[in-house]
Amino acid sequence: MSDPANQANLKAEFFIPLMVNELVGKGTSKLKVLSTTANWFGVTYQADKPQLVAKIEELIEAGVYPRNLWGK
């Protein structure tokens, strides 16, 4: 399913739903979809990082996430 020609291409994208569909279709994986009211944050480019960091900081300040999210 993946294109070996793109392995060294830093700009290539990996379309996760295609791989999930392939694995579920082969019967090698199962998928469970969880519902949520939370917002999703897309991070594709380095330029997306400042807005994401600011939004996560807002969620920490609001008590949605703990400051020590990764337990370190």
PDB file of N, CA and C in Angstrom:
ATOM      1  N   MET A   1       0.816  -1.200   0.000  1.00  0.00           N
ATOM      2  CA  MET A   1       0.000   0.000   0.000  1.00  0.00           C
ATOM      3  C   MET A   1       0.852   1.253   0.000  1.00  0.00           C
ATOM      4  N   SER A   2       1.935   1.282   0.774  1.00  0.00           N
ATOM      5  CA  SER A   2       2.775   2.469   0.785  1.00  0.00           C
ATOM      6  C   SER A   2       3.707   2.445  -0.421  1.00  0.00           C
ATOM      7  N   ASP A   3       4.130   3.608  -0.845  1.00  0.00           N
ATOM      8  CA  ASP A   3       4.985   3.745  -2.015  1.00  0.00           C
ATOM      9  C   ASP A   3       6.434   3.855  -1.562  1.00  0.00           C
ATOM     10  N   PRO A   4       7.273   2.839  -1.813  1.00  0.00           N
ATOM     11  CA  PRO A   4       8.676   2.880  -1.374  1.00  0.00           C
ATOM     12  C   PRO A   4       9.430   4.085  -1.922  1.00  0.00           C
ATOM     13  N   ALA A   5       8.973   4.622  -3.051  1.00  0.00           N
ATOM     14  CA  ALA A   5       9.638   5.780  -3.641  1.00  0.00           C
ATOM     15  C   ALA A   5       9.523   7.006  -2.745  1.00  0.00           C
ATOM     16  N   ASN A   6       8.538   7.013  -1.874  1.00  0.00           N
ATOM     17  CA  ASN A   6       8.322   8.174  -1.001  1.00  0.00           C
ATOM     18  C   ASN A   6       9.001   8.052   0.359  1.00  0.00           C
ATOM     19  N   GLN A   7       9.671   6.955   0.642  1.00  0.00           N
ATOM     20  CA  GLN A   7      10.268   6.764   1.960  1.00  0.00           C
ATOM     21  C   GLN A   7      11.270   7.848   2.321  1.00  0.00           C
ATOM     22  N   ALA A   8      11.998   8.373   1.369  1.00  0.00           N
ATOM     23  CA  ALA A   8      12.993   9.406   1.641  1.00  0.00           C
ATOM     24  C   ALA A   8      12.447  10.808   1.393  1.00  0.00           C
ATOM     25  N   ASN A   9      11.211  10.906   0.948  1.00  0.00           N
ATOM     26  CA  ASN A   9      10.603  12.198   0.633  1.00  0.00           C
ATOM     27  C   ASN A   9       9.997  12.800   1.896  1.00  0.00           C
ATOM     28  N   LEU A  10      10.652  13.821   2.450  1.00  0.00           N
ATOM     29  CA  LEU A  10      10.176  14.435   3.690  1.00  0.00           C
ATOM     30  C   LEU A  10       8.847  15.155   3.518  1.00  0.00           C
ATOM     31  N   LYS A  11       8.453  15.457   2.302  1.00  0.00           N
ATOM     32  CA  LYS A  11       7.195  16.156   2.044  1.00  0.00           C
ATOM     33  C   LYS A  11       6.057  15.192   1.726  1.00  0.00           C
ATOM     34  N   ALA A  12       6.361  13.904   1.592  1.00  0.00           N
ATOM     35  CA  ALA A  12       5.319  12.921   1.281  1.00  0.00           C
ATOM     36  C   ALA A  12       4.373  12.778   2.465  1.00  0.00           C
ATOM     37  N   GLU A  13       3.121  12.540   2.177  1.00  0.00           N
ATOM     38  CA  GLU A  13       2.135  12.350   3.229  1.00  0.00           C
ATOM     39  C   GLU A  13       1.706  10.889   3.279  1.00  0.00           C
ATOM     40  N   PHE A  14       1.381  10.429   4.464  1.00  0.00           N
ATOM     41  CA  PHE A  14       0.904   9.073   4.673  1.00  0.00           C
ATOM     42  C   PHE A  14      -0.567   9.185   5.031  1.00  0.00           C
ATOM     43  N   PHE A  15      -1.423   8.715   4.162  1.00  0.00           N
ATOM     44  CA  PHE A  15      -2.861   8.831   4.378  1.00  0.00           C
ATOM     45  C   PHE A  15      -3.319   7.690   5.277  1.00  0.00           C
ATOM     46  N   ILE A  16      -3.362   7.952   6.564  1.00  0.00           N
ATOM     47  CA  ILE A  16      -3.634   6.936   7.572  1.00  0.00           C
ATOM     48  C   ILE A  16      -4.942   6.173   7.310  1.00  0.00           C
ATOM     49  N   PRO A  17      -6.042   6.823   6.920  1.00  0.00           N
ATOM     50  CA  PRO A  17      -7.271   6.053   6.694  1.00  0.00           C
ATOM     51  C   PRO A  17      -7.127   4.941   5.649  1.00  0.00           C
ATOM     52  N   LEU A  18      -6.287   5.144   4.636  1.00  0.00           N
ATOM     53  CA  LEU A  18      -6.092   4.084   3.646  1.00  0.00           C
ATOM     54  C   LEU A  18      -5.440   2.854   4.272  1.00  0.00           C
ATOM     55  N   MET A  19      -4.442   3.067   5.109  1.00  0.00           N
ATOM     56  CA  MET A  19      -3.762   1.946   5.751  1.00  0.00           C
ATOM     57  C   MET A  19      -4.689   1.252   6.743  1.00  0.00           C
ATOM     58  N   VAL A  20      -5.436   2.024   7.509  1.00  0.00           N
ATOM     59  CA  VAL A  20      -6.386   1.433   8.462  1.00  0.00           C
ATOM     60  C   VAL A  20      -7.410   0.590   7.705  1.00  0.00           C
ATOM     61  N   ASN A  21      -7.921   1.117   6.605  1.00  0.00           N
ATOM     62  CA  ASN A  21      -8.893   0.381   5.803  1.00  0.00           C
ATOM     63  C   ASN A  21      -8.296  -0.929   5.283  1.00  0.00           C
ATOM     64  N   GLU A  22      -7.047  -0.877   4.835  1.00  0.00           N
ATOM     65  CA  GLU A  22      -6.380  -2.079   4.338  1.00  0.00           C
ATOM     66  C   GLU A  22      -6.233  -3.126   5.442  1.00  0.00           C
ATOM     67  N   LEU A  23      -5.784  -2.709   6.612  1.00  0.00           N
ATOM     68  CA  LEU A  23      -5.572  -3.644   7.720  1.00  0.00           C
ATOM     69  C   LEU A  23      -6.875  -4.254   8.209  1.00  0.00           C
ATOM     70  N   VAL A  24      -7.918  -3.431   8.313  1.00  0.00           N
ATOM     71  CA  VAL A  24      -9.229  -3.942   8.735  1.00  0.00           C
ATOM     72  C   VAL A  24      -9.776  -4.887   7.664  1.00  0.00           C
ATOM     73  N   GLY A  25      -9.616  -4.508   6.403  1.00  0.00           N
ATOM     74  CA  GLY A  25     -10.089  -5.342   5.302  1.00  0.00           C
ATOM     75  C   GLY A  25      -9.413  -6.702   5.259  1.00  0.00           C
ATOM     76  N   LYS A  26      -8.136  -6.758   5.606  1.00  0.00           N
ATOM     77  CA  LYS A  26      -7.392  -8.027   5.634  1.00  0.00           C
ATOM     78  C   LYS A  26      -7.735  -8.854   6.865  1.00  0.00           C
ATOM     79  N   GLY A  27      -8.396  -8.234   7.845  1.00  0.00           N
ATOM     80  CA  GLY A  27      -8.724  -8.929   9.076  1.00  0.00           C
ATOM     81  C   GLY A  27      -7.575  -8.986  10.063  1.00  0.00           C
ATOM     82  N   THR A  28      -6.518  -8.216   9.826  1.00  0.00           N
ATOM     83  CA  THR A  28      -5.373  -8.228  10.732  1.00  0.00           C
ATOM     84  C   THR A  28      -5.500  -7.204  11.851  1.00  0.00           C
ATOM     85  N   SER A  29      -6.479  -6.324  11.735  1.00  0.00           N
ATOM     86  CA  SER A  29      -6.685  -5.296  12.759  1.00  0.00           C
ATOM     87  C   SER A  29      -8.172  -5.027  12.924  1.00  0.00           C
ATOM     88  N   LYS A  30      -8.500  -4.468  14.074  1.00  0.00           N
ATOM     89  CA  LYS A  30      -9.860  -4.024  14.350  1.00  0.00           C
ATOM     90  C   LYS A  30      -9.818  -2.530  14.619  1.00  0.00           C
ATOM     91  N   LEU A  31     -10.930  -1.883  14.437  1.00  0.00           N
ATOM     92  CA  LEU A  31     -11.014  -0.448  14.642  1.00  0.00           C
ATOM     93  C   LEU A  31     -12.221  -0.138  15.508  1.00  0.00           C
ATOM     94  N   LYS A  32     -12.015   0.691  16.508  1.00  0.00           N
ATOM     95  CA  LYS A  32     -13.112   1.154  17.344  1.00  0.00           C
ATOM     96  C   LYS A  32     -13.125   2.670  17.255  1.00  0.00           C
ATOM     97  N   VAL A  33     -14.250   3.226  16.897  1.00  0.00           N
ATOM     98  CA  VAL A  33     -14.389   4.672  16.769  1.00  0.00           C
ATOM     99  C   VAL A  33     -15.012   5.204  18.052  1.00  0.00           C
ATOM    100  N   LEU A  34     -14.358   6.167  18.654  1.00  0.00           N
ATOM    101  CA  LEU A  34     -14.848   6.779  19.889  1.00  0.00           C
ATOM    102  C   LEU A  34     -15.441   8.145  19.589  1.00  0.00           C
ATOM    103  N   SER A  35     -16.562   8.435  20.177  1.00  0.00           N
ATOM    104  CA  SER A  35     -17.188   9.747  20.026  1.00  0.00           C
ATOM    105  C   SER A  35     -16.599  10.715  21.030  1.00  0.00           C
ATOM    106  N   THR A  36     -16.532  11.973  20.648  1.00  0.00           N
ATOM    107  CA  THR A  36     -16.053  13.012  21.550  1.00  0.00           C
ATOM    108  C   THR A  36     -16.630  14.356  21.135  1.00  0.00           C
ATOM    109  N   THR A  37     -16.690  15.251  22.076  1.00  0.00           N
ATOM    110  CA  THR A  37     -17.101  16.621  21.754  1.00  0.00           C
ATOM    111  C   THR A  37     -15.876  17.525  21.648  1.00  0.00           C
ATOM    112  N   ALA A  38     -14.697  16.948  21.859  1.00  0.00           N
ATOM    113  CA  ALA A  38     -13.458  17.729  21.825  1.00  0.00           C
ATOM    114  C   ALA A  38     -13.116  18.168  20.402  1.00  0.00           C
ATOM    115  N   ASN A  39     -12.373  19.246  20.307  1.00  0.00           N
ATOM    116  CA  ASN A  39     -11.903  19.732  19.018  1.00  0.00           C
ATOM    117  C   ASN A  39     -10.616  19.026  18.629  1.00  0.00           C
ATOM    118  N   TRP A  40     -10.423  18.846  17.353  1.00  0.00           N
ATOM    119  CA  TRP A  40      -9.230  18.210  16.803  1.00  0.00           C
ATOM    120  C   TRP A  40      -8.302  19.299  16.291  1.00  0.00           C
ATOM    121  N   PHE A  41      -7.009  19.101  16.487  1.00  0.00           N
ATOM    122  CA  PHE A  41      -6.029  20.072  16.013  1.00  0.00           C
ATOM    123  C   PHE A  41      -5.171  19.434  14.934  1.00  0.00           C
ATOM    124  N   GLY A  42      -5.178  20.021  13.760  1.00  0.00           N
ATOM    125  CA  GLY A  42      -4.352  19.511  12.670  1.00  0.00           C
ATOM    126  C   GLY A  42      -2.950  20.100  12.734  1.00  0.00           C
ATOM    127  N   VAL A  43      -1.963  19.249  12.639  1.00  0.00           N
ATOM    128  CA  VAL A  43      -0.568  19.689  12.621  1.00  0.00           C
ATOM    129  C   VAL A  43       0.082  19.043  11.403  1.00  0.00           C
ATOM    130  N   THR A  44       0.307  19.840  10.401  1.00  0.00           N
ATOM    131  CA  THR A  44       0.910  19.332   9.173  1.00  0.00           C
ATOM    132  C   THR A  44       2.283  19.949   8.948  1.00  0.00           C
ATOM    133  N   TYR A  45       2.404  21.213   9.238  1.00  0.00           N
ATOM    134  CA  TYR A  45       3.628  21.940   8.918  1.00  0.00           C
ATOM    135  C   TYR A  45       4.245  22.537  10.186  1.00  0.00           C
ATOM    136  N   GLN A  46       5.526  22.805  10.139  1.00  0.00           N
ATOM    137  CA  GLN A  46       6.229  23.446  11.250  1.00  0.00           C
ATOM    138  C   GLN A  46       5.538  24.753  11.644  1.00  0.00           C
ATOM    139  N   ALA A  47       5.008  25.448  10.661  1.00  0.00           N
ATOM    140  CA  ALA A  47       4.333  26.725  10.925  1.00  0.00           C
ATOM    141  C   ALA A  47       3.070  26.545  11.777  1.00  0.00           C
ATOM    142  N   ASP A  48       2.538  25.325  11.860  1.00  0.00           N
ATOM    143  CA  ASP A  48       1.347  25.055  12.680  1.00  0.00           C
ATOM    144  C   ASP A  48       1.671  24.996  14.166  1.00  0.00           C
ATOM    145  N   LYS A  49       2.935  24.782  14.508  1.00  0.00           N
ATOM    146  CA  LYS A  49       3.317  24.518  15.896  1.00  0.00           C
ATOM    147  C   LYS A  49       2.974  25.644  16.867  1.00  0.00           C
ATOM    148  N   PRO A  50       3.269  26.919  16.579  1.00  0.00           N
ATOM    149  CA  PRO A  50       2.972  27.965  17.567  1.00  0.00           C
ATOM    150  C   PRO A  50       1.497  28.026  17.963  1.00  0.00           C
ATOM    151  N   GLN A  51       0.601  27.869  16.991  1.00  0.00           N
ATOM    152  CA  GLN A  51      -0.826  27.907  17.309  1.00  0.00           C
ATOM    153  C   GLN A  51      -1.232  26.695  18.145  1.00  0.00           C
ATOM    154  N   LEU A  52      -0.659  25.542  17.849  1.00  0.00           N
ATOM    155  CA  LEU A  52      -0.960  24.341  18.614  1.00  0.00           C
ATOM    156  C   LEU A  52      -0.465  24.468  20.050  1.00  0.00           C
ATOM    157  N   VAL A  53       0.763  24.947  20.223  1.00  0.00           N
ATOM    158  CA  VAL A  53       1.330  25.123  21.563  1.00  0.00           C
ATOM    159  C   VAL A  53       0.463  26.094  22.369  1.00  0.00           C
ATOM    160  N   ALA A  54       0.029  27.176  21.741  1.00  0.00           N
ATOM    161  CA  ALA A  54      -0.811  28.162  22.433  1.00  0.00           C
ATOM    162  C   ALA A  54      -2.155  27.548  22.837  1.00  0.00           C
ATOM    163  N   LYS A  55      -2.743  26.758  21.963  1.00  0.00           N
ATOM    164  CA  LYS A  55      -4.032  26.149  22.269  1.00  0.00           C
ATOM    165  C   LYS A  55      -3.899  25.114  23.388  1.00  0.00           C
ATOM    166  N   ILE A  56      -2.837  24.322  23.350  1.00  0.00           N
ATOM    167  CA  ILE A  56      -2.623  23.353  24.436  1.00  0.00           C
ATOM    168  C   ILE A  56      -2.411  24.075  25.756  1.00  0.00           C
ATOM    169  N   GLU A  57      -1.687  25.168  25.731  1.00  0.00           N
ATOM    170  CA  GLU A  57      -1.488  25.959  26.953  1.00  0.00           C
ATOM    171  C   GLU A  57      -2.824  26.465  27.494  1.00  0.00           C
ATOM    172  N   GLU A  58      -3.712  26.911  26.606  1.00  0.00           N
ATOM    173  CA  GLU A  58      -5.052  27.343  27.031  1.00  0.00           C
ATOM    174  C   GLU A  58      -5.808  26.186  27.698  1.00  0.00           C
ATOM    175  N   LEU A  59      -5.706  24.996  27.120  1.00  0.00           N
ATOM    176  CA  LEU A  59      -6.397  23.835  27.680  1.00  0.00           C
ATOM    177  C   LEU A  59      -5.810  23.429  29.029  1.00  0.00           C
ATOM    178  N   ILE A  60      -4.512  23.588  29.193  1.00  0.00           N
ATOM    179  CA  ILE A  60      -3.870  23.309  30.487  1.00  0.00           C
ATOM    180  C   ILE A  60      -4.372  24.309  31.530  1.00  0.00           C
ATOM    181  N   GLU A  61      -4.375  25.585  31.157  1.00  0.00           N
ATOM    182  CA  GLU A  61      -4.835  26.635  32.076  1.00  0.00           C
ATOM    183  C   GLU A  61      -6.302  26.432  32.456  1.00  0.00           C
ATOM    184  N   ALA A  62      -7.102  25.893  31.534  1.00  0.00           N
ATOM    185  CA  ALA A  62      -8.529  25.661  31.802  1.00  0.00           C
ATOM    186  C   ALA A  62      -8.763  24.361  32.570  1.00  0.00           C
ATOM    187  N   GLY A  63      -7.702  23.592  32.810  1.00  0.00           N
ATOM    188  CA  GLY A  63      -7.827  22.359  33.565  1.00  0.00           C
ATOM    189  C   GLY A  63      -8.247  21.149  32.736  1.00  0.00           C
ATOM    190  N   VAL A  64      -8.278  21.303  31.416  1.00  0.00           N
ATOM    191  CA  VAL A  64      -8.643  20.187  30.542  1.00  0.00           C
ATOM    192  C   VAL A  64      -7.512  19.167  30.488  1.00  0.00           C
ATOM    193  N   TYR A  65      -6.275  19.659  30.411  1.00  0.00           N
ATOM    194  CA  TYR A  65      -5.083  18.809  30.417  1.00  0.00           C
ATOM    195  C   TYR A  65      -4.240  19.154  31.631  1.00  0.00           C
ATOM    196  N   PRO A  66      -3.534  18.161  32.181  1.00  0.00           N
ATOM    197  CA  PRO A  66      -2.597  18.478  33.264  1.00  0.00           C
ATOM    198  C   PRO A  66      -1.338  19.128  32.690  1.00  0.00           C
ATOM    199  N   ARG A  67      -0.669  19.944  33.482  1.00  0.00           N
ATOM    200  CA  ARG A  67       0.570  20.573  33.024  1.00  0.00           C
ATOM    201  C   ARG A  67       1.608  19.505  32.678  1.00  0.00           C
ATOM    202  N   ASN A  68       1.660  18.455  33.484  1.00  0.00           N
ATOM    203  CA  ASN A  68       2.623  17.384  33.282  1.00  0.00           C
ATOM    204  C   ASN A  68       1.939  16.252  32.498  1.00  0.00           C
ATOM    205  N   LEU A  69       1.576  16.537  31.259  1.00  0.00           N
ATOM    206  CA  LEU A  69       0.774  15.630  30.444  1.00  0.00           C
ATOM    207  C   LEU A  69       1.401  14.259  30.255  1.00  0.00           C
ATOM    208  N   TRP A  70       2.701  14.200  30.127  1.00  0.00           N
ATOM    209  CA  TRP A  70       3.374  12.927  29.829  1.00  0.00           C
ATOM    210  C   TRP A  70       3.945  12.266  31.081  1.00  0.00           C
ATOM    211  N   GLY A  71       3.675  12.797  32.242  1.00  0.00           N
ATOM    212  CA  GLY A  71       4.083  12.168  33.482  1.00  0.00           C
ATOM    213  C   GLY A  71       5.574  12.220  33.754  1.00  0.00           C
ATOM    214  N   LYS A  72       6.270  13.160  33.152  1.00  0.00           N
ATOM    215  CA  LYS A  72       7.722  13.268  33.364  1.00  0.00           C
ATOM    216  C   LYS A  72       8.018  14.428  34.285  1.00  0.00           C
TER     217      LYS A  72
END
